[in-house]
């Protein structure tokens, strides 16, 4: 059951939100547009939760204009 709209289509569980709410795809997208790095799991046909990605419900992330990517070696502390 979806925590937001109470429909029976709750197939997404957010492991980063307090209480691990379960969402339908529409509510999962609406709830996570501003939190694209939350970790989610999706209920699969095998009957268990498996790790997944918010991009599968349409959440997109793009860096702000003018912001550069870190070097290929990643960030290095000094």
N, C-alpha and C. Protein backbone atom coordinates (compact mmCIF):
# COMPACT_ATOMS: atom_id res chain seq x y z
N UNK A 1 0.86 -1.18 0.00
CA UNK A 1 0.00 0.00 0.00
C UNK A 1 0.90 1.23 0.00
N UNK A 2 0.61 2.20 -0.85
CA UNK A 2 1.40 3.43 -0.95
C UNK A 2 1.18 4.32 0.28
N UNK A 3 2.28 4.80 0.87
CA UNK A 3 2.22 5.65 2.06
C UNK A 3 1.62 7.02 1.77
N UNK A 4 1.68 7.47 0.50
CA UNK A 4 1.19 8.81 0.17
C UNK A 4 -0.26 8.84 -0.29
N UNK A 5 -0.60 7.98 -1.26
CA UNK A 5 -1.95 8.05 -1.84
C UNK A 5 -2.85 6.89 -1.40
N UNK A 6 -2.31 5.96 -0.62
CA UNK A 6 -3.04 4.79 -0.12
C UNK A 6 -3.56 3.86 -1.20
N UNK A 7 -2.94 3.92 -2.39
CA UNK A 7 -3.32 2.97 -3.44
C UNK A 7 -2.63 1.63 -3.14
N UNK A 8 -3.03 0.63 -3.82
CA UNK A 8 -2.46 -0.69 -3.60
C UNK A 8 -1.18 -0.94 -4.37
N UNK A 9 -0.64 0.09 -5.05
CA UNK A 9 0.52 -0.11 -5.91
C UNK A 9 1.85 0.20 -5.26
N UNK A 10 2.02 -0.08 -3.98
CA UNK A 10 3.27 0.23 -3.29
C UNK A 10 4.37 -0.76 -3.63
N UNK A 11 5.21 -0.42 -4.58
CA UNK A 11 6.28 -1.32 -4.99
C UNK A 11 7.67 -0.70 -4.81
N UNK A 12 7.76 0.51 -4.26
CA UNK A 12 9.03 1.18 -4.03
C UNK A 12 9.17 1.51 -2.55
N UNK A 13 10.30 1.13 -1.94
CA UNK A 13 10.55 1.41 -0.54
C UNK A 13 11.81 2.26 -0.44
N UNK A 14 11.72 3.40 0.26
CA UNK A 14 12.87 4.27 0.42
C UNK A 14 13.60 3.90 1.71
N UNK A 15 14.86 3.53 1.57
CA UNK A 15 15.68 3.14 2.71
C UNK A 15 16.32 4.36 3.37
N UNK A 16 16.19 5.54 2.76
CA UNK A 16 16.78 6.76 3.31
C UNK A 16 15.76 7.63 4.04
N UNK A 17 14.48 7.48 3.73
CA UNK A 17 13.43 8.25 4.40
C UNK A 17 13.14 7.63 5.77
N UNK A 18 12.75 8.45 6.71
CA UNK A 18 12.42 7.97 8.06
C UNK A 18 11.21 7.03 7.99
N UNK A 19 11.34 5.87 8.58
CA UNK A 19 10.26 4.89 8.62
C UNK A 19 10.19 3.98 7.41
N UNK A 20 11.11 4.12 6.46
CA UNK A 20 11.14 3.30 5.24
C UNK A 20 9.78 3.23 4.54
N UNK A 21 9.23 4.40 4.14
CA UNK A 21 7.90 4.38 3.52
C UNK A 21 7.89 3.63 2.19
N UNK A 22 6.72 3.12 1.87
CA UNK A 22 6.51 2.40 0.62
C UNK A 22 5.64 3.27 -0.28
N UNK A 23 6.02 3.38 -1.56
CA UNK A 23 5.33 4.26 -2.51
C UNK A 23 4.93 3.53 -3.78
N UNK A 24 3.90 4.05 -4.43
CA UNK A 24 3.60 3.66 -5.80
C UNK A 24 4.61 4.43 -6.68
N UNK A 25 4.79 4.07 -7.96
CA UNK A 25 5.76 4.77 -8.79
C UNK A 25 5.51 6.28 -8.90
N UNK A 26 4.26 6.70 -9.02
CA UNK A 26 3.92 8.12 -9.16
C UNK A 26 4.31 8.90 -7.92
N UNK A 27 3.98 8.40 -6.75
CA UNK A 27 4.30 9.10 -5.51
C UNK A 27 5.79 9.03 -5.21
N UNK A 28 6.45 7.95 -5.57
CA UNK A 28 7.89 7.84 -5.36
C UNK A 28 8.60 8.93 -6.16
N UNK A 29 8.20 9.14 -7.39
CA UNK A 29 8.78 10.21 -8.21
C UNK A 29 8.50 11.57 -7.59
N UNK A 30 7.27 11.83 -7.20
CA UNK A 30 6.90 13.12 -6.62
C UNK A 30 7.65 13.39 -5.32
N UNK A 31 7.82 12.38 -4.49
CA UNK A 31 8.48 12.55 -3.19
C UNK A 31 9.99 12.69 -3.29
N UNK A 32 10.59 12.25 -4.40
CA UNK A 32 12.04 12.21 -4.48
C UNK A 32 12.66 13.09 -5.56
N UNK A 33 11.90 13.98 -6.14
CA UNK A 33 12.47 14.90 -7.13
C UNK A 33 13.61 15.73 -6.53
N UNK A 34 13.50 16.10 -5.26
CA UNK A 34 14.53 16.93 -4.62
C UNK A 34 15.53 16.11 -3.80
N UNK A 35 15.37 14.81 -3.78
CA UNK A 35 16.30 13.95 -3.04
C UNK A 35 16.73 12.79 -3.94
N UNK A 36 17.44 13.10 -5.04
CA UNK A 36 17.74 12.06 -6.03
C UNK A 36 18.75 11.02 -5.57
N UNK A 37 19.39 11.23 -4.42
CA UNK A 37 20.40 10.27 -3.98
C UNK A 37 19.91 9.33 -2.88
N UNK A 38 18.61 9.36 -2.60
CA UNK A 38 18.06 8.41 -1.63
C UNK A 38 18.19 7.00 -2.18
N UNK A 39 18.40 6.06 -1.30
CA UNK A 39 18.52 4.65 -1.68
C UNK A 39 17.14 4.01 -1.62
N UNK A 40 16.76 3.32 -2.68
CA UNK A 40 15.44 2.68 -2.75
C UNK A 40 15.57 1.20 -3.05
N UNK A 41 14.49 0.50 -2.75
CA UNK A 41 14.36 -0.90 -3.13
C UNK A 41 13.04 -1.08 -3.84
N UNK A 42 13.00 -2.03 -4.75
CA UNK A 42 11.80 -2.31 -5.53
C UNK A 42 11.34 -3.74 -5.25
N UNK A 43 10.03 -3.90 -5.05
CA UNK A 43 9.44 -5.23 -4.85
C UNK A 43 9.47 -5.94 -6.19
N UNK A 44 10.02 -7.15 -6.24
CA UNK A 44 10.11 -7.86 -7.51
C UNK A 44 9.16 -9.04 -7.57
N UNK A 45 9.11 -9.67 -8.71
CA UNK A 45 8.18 -10.79 -8.91
C UNK A 45 8.56 -12.01 -8.08
N UNK A 46 9.80 -12.06 -7.60
CA UNK A 46 10.23 -13.18 -6.76
C UNK A 46 9.71 -13.06 -5.33
N UNK A 47 9.08 -11.92 -5.00
CA UNK A 47 8.49 -11.75 -3.69
C UNK A 47 9.42 -11.20 -2.63
N UNK A 48 10.41 -10.40 -3.03
CA UNK A 48 11.29 -9.77 -2.05
C UNK A 48 11.75 -8.40 -2.56
N UNK A 49 12.28 -7.58 -1.64
CA UNK A 49 12.79 -6.26 -1.98
C UNK A 49 14.21 -6.39 -2.50
N UNK A 50 14.51 -5.70 -3.60
CA UNK A 50 15.88 -5.69 -4.12
C UNK A 50 16.34 -4.26 -4.37
N UNK A 51 17.62 -3.96 -4.17
CA UNK A 51 18.12 -2.60 -4.39
C UNK A 51 17.82 -2.14 -5.81
N UNK A 52 17.48 -0.87 -5.94
CA UNK A 52 17.15 -0.31 -7.24
C UNK A 52 17.60 1.14 -7.30
N UNK A 53 17.19 1.86 -8.33
CA UNK A 53 17.59 3.24 -8.56
C UNK A 53 16.37 4.12 -8.79
N UNK A 54 16.41 5.33 -8.25
CA UNK A 54 15.29 6.27 -8.44
C UNK A 54 15.12 6.66 -9.90
N UNK A 55 16.16 6.54 -10.71
CA UNK A 55 16.01 6.88 -12.13
C UNK A 55 14.97 5.99 -12.82
N UNK A 56 14.71 4.80 -12.24
CA UNK A 56 13.72 3.90 -12.83
C UNK A 56 12.29 4.42 -12.68
N UNK A 57 12.04 5.37 -11.77
CA UNK A 57 10.72 5.99 -11.66
C UNK A 57 10.72 7.38 -12.27
N UNK A 58 11.87 7.79 -12.85
CA UNK A 58 11.91 9.07 -13.56
C UNK A 58 12.65 10.19 -12.85
N UNK A 59 13.25 9.92 -11.69
CA UNK A 59 14.02 10.96 -11.00
C UNK A 59 15.29 11.21 -11.80
N UNK A 60 15.56 12.49 -12.07
CA UNK A 60 16.74 12.87 -12.85
C UNK A 60 17.59 13.82 -12.05
N UNK A 61 18.89 13.75 -12.26
CA UNK A 61 19.81 14.67 -11.60
C UNK A 61 20.71 15.28 -12.66
N UNK A 62 20.86 16.57 -12.61
CA UNK A 62 21.82 17.24 -13.48
C UNK A 62 22.56 18.27 -12.64
N UNK A 63 23.83 18.41 -12.88
CA UNK A 63 24.58 19.37 -12.07
C UNK A 63 24.27 20.79 -12.52
N UNK A 64 24.41 21.75 -11.63
CA UNK A 64 24.12 23.14 -11.97
C UNK A 64 25.01 23.64 -13.10
N UNK A 65 24.51 24.58 -13.92
CA UNK A 65 25.32 25.13 -15.02
C UNK A 65 26.63 25.72 -14.49
N UNK A 66 27.71 25.46 -15.19
CA UNK A 66 29.00 26.01 -14.82
C UNK A 66 29.77 25.16 -13.83
N UNK A 67 29.15 24.17 -13.24
CA UNK A 67 29.84 23.33 -12.27
C UNK A 67 30.62 22.25 -13.01
N UNK A 68 31.88 22.08 -12.65
CA UNK A 68 32.73 21.12 -13.34
C UNK A 68 32.72 19.77 -12.64
N UNK A 69 32.97 18.75 -13.42
CA UNK A 69 33.08 17.39 -12.88
C UNK A 69 34.43 17.24 -12.19
N UNK A 70 34.54 16.40 -11.15
CA UNK A 70 35.85 16.17 -10.53
C UNK A 70 36.76 15.42 -11.51
N UNK A 71 38.08 15.47 -11.28
CA UNK A 71 39.00 14.75 -12.16
C UNK A 71 38.69 13.26 -12.18
N UNK A 72 39.14 12.59 -13.22
CA UNK A 72 38.85 11.16 -13.40
C UNK A 72 39.28 10.32 -12.20
N UNK A 73 40.30 10.76 -11.46
CA UNK A 73 40.78 10.02 -10.31
C UNK A 73 39.92 10.22 -9.08
N UNK A 74 38.89 11.06 -9.17
CA UNK A 74 38.04 11.35 -8.03
C UNK A 74 38.58 12.51 -7.21
N UNK A 75 37.95 12.80 -6.12
CA UNK A 75 38.38 13.89 -5.24
C UNK A 75 39.50 13.37 -4.35
N UNK A 76 40.50 14.19 -4.15
CA UNK A 76 41.63 13.78 -3.31
C UNK A 76 41.80 14.76 -2.17
N UNK A 77 41.83 14.24 -0.99
CA UNK A 77 42.06 15.08 0.19
C UNK A 77 43.54 15.38 0.35
N UNK A 78 43.86 16.50 0.99
CA UNK A 78 45.27 16.84 1.06
C UNK A 78 45.74 17.22 2.40
